[in-house]
Amino acid sequence: MNYRAISLATCAALLTACSPSELKKTLHGETDRRVRISTASAAAYQKLRDLDVFEAVAARRECDAGKGVKCAGISADWFRATQIHPALGRVFLENEETSARVAILSARFWKKMYGGDSGVIGQRVDLGGEKYTVVGIVRAEIAEGDVYLPWTPSGDSFMIVALLRPGVTLKQAQAAADAAGARSTLEPI
């Protein structure tokens, strides 16, 4: 059986039968439910997390892992809110958000530093003088940096993303955020 021909035929069918937005959903999940939220504080972030219009609300900030390693501190729901799934291993657990020494590596960083060895999952690695246990690997084409570390939002310098619940419109979510006093602006990603 010619699997290459079948693969090419499937790709051609997808490209001709699907609109660009449908193809994007097929390849990357329901992107039309993801929103970026502009807000001013960690208090607003907490208010947004309490709203039932969102399936997940998550935060991200840049951090320093030293030695030129690009690092992002993320809340536990980051991968659920962005609909990104690890290529290997798992995402952070909610109880790891505050103090766990765990890390998720980008595939690019994993291949560069560890030769693509899947045995790095569960191993302790040195990042900026601190030891972290690697729990997952994120595909290179979707990773924004080298390493993800768990982080609980504080202060006011971070990005928030959310995943709307099925059936909830952007307008409904904005109204709920306004009613909660979250002082936020929602926009599609």
Protein backbone atom coordinates (compact mmCIF):
# COMPACT_ATOMS: atom_id res chain seq x y z
CA MET A 1 0.00 0.00 0.00
CA ASN A 2 1.33 3.43 -0.90
CA TYR A 3 1.00 5.35 2.38
CA ARG A 4 2.67 8.44 0.95
CA ALA A 5 0.02 8.73 -1.76
CA ILE A 6 -2.72 8.31 0.84
CA SER A 7 -1.16 11.02 3.01
CA LEU A 8 -0.87 13.40 0.06
CA ALA A 9 -4.46 12.71 -0.98
CA THR A 10 -5.68 13.35 2.58
CA CYS A 11 -3.78 16.66 2.75
CA ALA A 12 -5.14 17.72 -0.63
CA ALA A 13 -8.69 16.88 0.45
CA LEU A 14 -8.28 18.88 3.65
CA LEU A 15 -6.88 21.88 1.80
CA THR A 16 -9.63 21.94 -0.81
CA ALA A 17 -12.59 21.03 1.41
CA CYS A 18 -11.80 23.22 4.40
CA SER A 19 -11.75 26.96 4.80
CA PRO A 20 -8.54 28.35 6.35
CA SER A 21 -10.27 28.71 9.73
CA GLU A 22 -11.58 25.13 9.60
CA LEU A 23 -8.14 23.85 8.66
CA LYS A 24 -6.60 25.81 11.55
CA LYS A 25 -9.12 24.22 13.94
CA THR A 26 -8.32 20.78 12.55
CA LEU A 27 -4.59 21.25 12.98
CA HIS A 28 -4.44 23.28 16.20
CA GLY A 29 -7.71 22.87 18.10
CA GLU A 30 -10.58 25.33 18.47
CA THR A 31 -8.56 28.52 18.21
CA ASP A 32 -11.68 30.68 17.98
CA ARG A 33 -12.32 30.03 21.69
CA ARG A 34 -8.94 31.39 22.79
CA VAL A 35 -8.71 35.00 23.93
CA ARG A 36 -5.95 37.33 25.10
CA ILE A 37 -6.91 39.46 28.09
CA SER A 38 -5.44 42.86 28.85
CA THR A 39 -5.67 43.54 32.56
CA ALA A 40 -3.87 45.54 35.19
CA SER A 41 -3.38 43.28 38.20
CA ALA A 42 -3.14 39.89 39.84
CA ALA A 43 -6.44 40.71 41.58
CA ALA A 44 -8.15 41.05 38.18
CA TYR A 45 -6.59 37.72 37.14
CA GLN A 46 -8.18 36.05 40.19
CA LYS A 47 -11.58 37.59 39.37
CA LEU A 48 -11.33 36.28 35.81
CA ARG A 49 -10.46 32.76 37.04
CA ASP A 50 -13.65 32.75 39.11
CA LEU A 51 -15.93 33.47 36.12
CA ASP A 52 -17.88 30.56 34.66
CA VAL A 53 -17.60 31.87 31.08
CA PHE A 54 -14.04 30.51 30.86
CA GLU A 55 -12.93 26.92 30.68
CA ALA A 56 -9.41 27.97 31.66
CA VAL A 57 -7.62 31.24 32.51
CA ALA A 58 -3.84 31.31 32.61
CA ALA A 59 -0.94 33.74 32.96
CA ARG A 60 2.59 33.92 31.58
CA ARG A 61 5.62 36.10 32.26
CA GLU A 62 9.22 36.11 31.14
CA CYS A 63 11.76 34.88 33.68
CA ASP A 64 15.51 34.37 33.86
CA ALA A 65 17.01 30.90 33.91
CA GLY A 66 20.52 32.24 33.31
CA LYS A 67 23.12 31.28 30.68
CA GLY A 68 21.04 32.69 27.81
CA VAL A 69 18.14 30.31 28.45
CA LYS A 70 14.78 31.89 27.49
CA CYS A 71 12.36 31.07 30.27
CA ALA A 72 8.64 31.62 30.82
CA GLY A 73 6.86 31.37 34.15
CA ILE A 74 3.34 30.03 33.55
CA SER A 75 0.32 29.23 35.65
CA ALA A 76 -0.82 25.60 35.74
CA ASP A 77 -3.67 26.14 33.23
CA TRP A 78 -1.43 27.69 30.53
CA PHE A 79 -1.41 24.65 28.26
CA ARG A 80 -5.15 24.04 28.69
CA ALA A 81 -5.98 27.69 27.93
CA THR A 82 -3.72 27.79 24.87
CA GLN A 83 -4.73 24.28 23.78
CA ILE A 84 -1.10 23.22 23.50
CA HIS A 85 -0.32 19.62 24.34
CA PRO A 86 3.12 18.27 25.22
CA ALA A 87 4.89 16.10 22.65
CA LEU A 88 6.27 14.02 25.53
CA GLY A 89 5.44 13.82 29.20
CA ARG A 90 2.79 15.99 30.81
CA VAL A 91 1.83 19.56 31.69
CA PHE A 92 2.05 21.09 35.16
CA LEU A 93 -0.36 19.96 37.83
CA GLU A 94 -2.32 22.61 39.73
CA ASN A 95 -0.51 21.80 42.99
CA GLU A 96 2.84 22.45 41.25
CA GLU A 97 2.00 26.07 40.47
CA THR A 98 3.33 27.57 43.68
CA SER A 99 6.48 25.78 44.76
CA ALA A 100 7.33 22.73 42.68
CA ARG A 101 10.72 22.49 41.03
CA VAL A 102 9.47 21.07 37.72
CA ALA A 103 10.11 22.19 34.13
CA ILE A 104 8.76 21.69 30.63
CA LEU A 105 11.32 22.05 27.85
CA SER A 106 10.82 23.18 24.26
CA ALA A 107 11.73 20.47 21.74
CA ARG A 108 14.37 22.78 20.29
CA PHE A 109 16.08 23.24 23.68
CA TRP A 110 15.68 19.52 24.50
CA LYS A 111 17.39 18.48 21.27
CA LYS A 112 20.15 21.09 21.65
CA MET A 113 20.95 20.41 25.31
CA TYR A 114 19.95 16.74 25.75
CA GLY A 115 20.25 15.33 22.22
CA GLY A 116 16.54 14.52 22.05
CA ASP A 117 16.94 11.81 24.70
CA SER A 118 13.45 10.94 26.02
CA GLY A 119 15.16 9.70 29.18
CA VAL A 120 15.37 13.35 30.32
CA ILE A 121 11.69 13.11 31.38
CA GLY A 122 11.76 12.57 35.14
CA GLN A 123 15.40 13.63 35.41
CA ARG A 124 16.67 16.61 37.41
CA VAL A 125 18.39 19.29 35.32
CA ASP A 126 20.25 22.47 36.27
CA LEU A 127 18.58 25.70 35.11
CA GLY A 128 20.22 28.88 36.31
CA GLY A 129 21.80 27.19 39.31
CA GLU A 130 18.50 25.58 40.41
CA LYS A 131 17.56 21.91 39.98
CA TYR A 132 14.25 21.11 38.24
CA THR A 133 12.63 17.81 37.34
CA VAL A 134 11.67 17.68 33.65
CA VAL A 135 8.02 16.61 33.30
CA GLY A 136 7.35 17.40 29.63
CA ILE A 137 8.55 18.47 26.19
CA VAL A 138 6.61 20.97 24.01
CA ARG A 139 6.84 20.86 20.21
CA ALA A 140 9.37 23.35 18.83
CA GLU A 141 6.99 25.10 16.44
CA ILE A 142 4.68 26.21 19.25
CA ALA A 143 7.16 26.84 22.05
CA GLU A 144 7.88 30.48 22.89
CA GLY A 145 11.26 30.09 24.48
CA ASP A 146 13.37 27.28 25.88
CA VAL A 147 11.90 26.38 29.26
CA TYR A 148 8.55 26.72 31.04
CA LEU A 149 8.51 26.89 34.84
CA PRO A 150 5.43 26.95 37.13
CA TRP A 151 4.48 30.35 38.49
CA THR A 152 1.63 31.92 40.43
CA PRO A 153 0.72 35.35 39.00
CA SER A 154 1.70 38.32 41.12
CA GLY A 155 2.48 41.95 40.43
CA ASP A 156 1.32 43.47 37.17
CA SER A 157 3.70 42.47 34.39
CA PHE A 158 2.27 39.36 32.77
CA MET A 159 0.10 38.16 29.90
CA ILE A 160 -3.26 36.44 30.39
CA VAL A 161 -4.95 34.05 27.98
CA ALA A 162 -8.22 32.22 28.42
CA LEU A 163 -10.28 29.55 26.74
CA LEU A 164 -13.96 30.39 26.44
CA ARG A 165 -16.42 27.68 27.40
CA PRO A 166 -18.17 26.14 24.37
CA GLY A 167 -21.10 28.32 23.32
CA VAL A 168 -19.84 31.46 25.12
CA THR A 169 -19.22 34.43 22.83
CA LEU A 170 -16.48 37.00 23.24
CA LYS A 171 -19.17 39.62 23.92
CA GLN A 172 -20.69 37.52 26.73
CA ALA A 173 -17.27 36.93 28.30
CA GLN A 174 -16.46 40.65 28.12
CA ALA A 175 -19.78 41.47 29.82
CA ALA A 176 -19.03 38.95 32.60
CA ALA A 177 -15.52 40.39 33.11
CA ASP A 178 -16.96 43.92 33.26
CA ALA A 179 -19.66 42.87 35.77
CA ALA A 180 -16.98 41.24 37.96
CA GLY A 181 -14.99 44.48 37.99
CA ALA A 182 -11.96 42.83 36.38
CA ARG A 183 -11.14 45.96 34.31
CA SER A 184 -10.05 43.82 31.37
CA THR A 185 -10.26 43.90 27.59
CA LEU A 186 -10.73 40.60 25.78
CA GLU A 187 -9.63 40.04 22.19
CA PRO A 188 -9.38 36.91 20.03
CA ILE A 189 -5.95 35.39 19.61
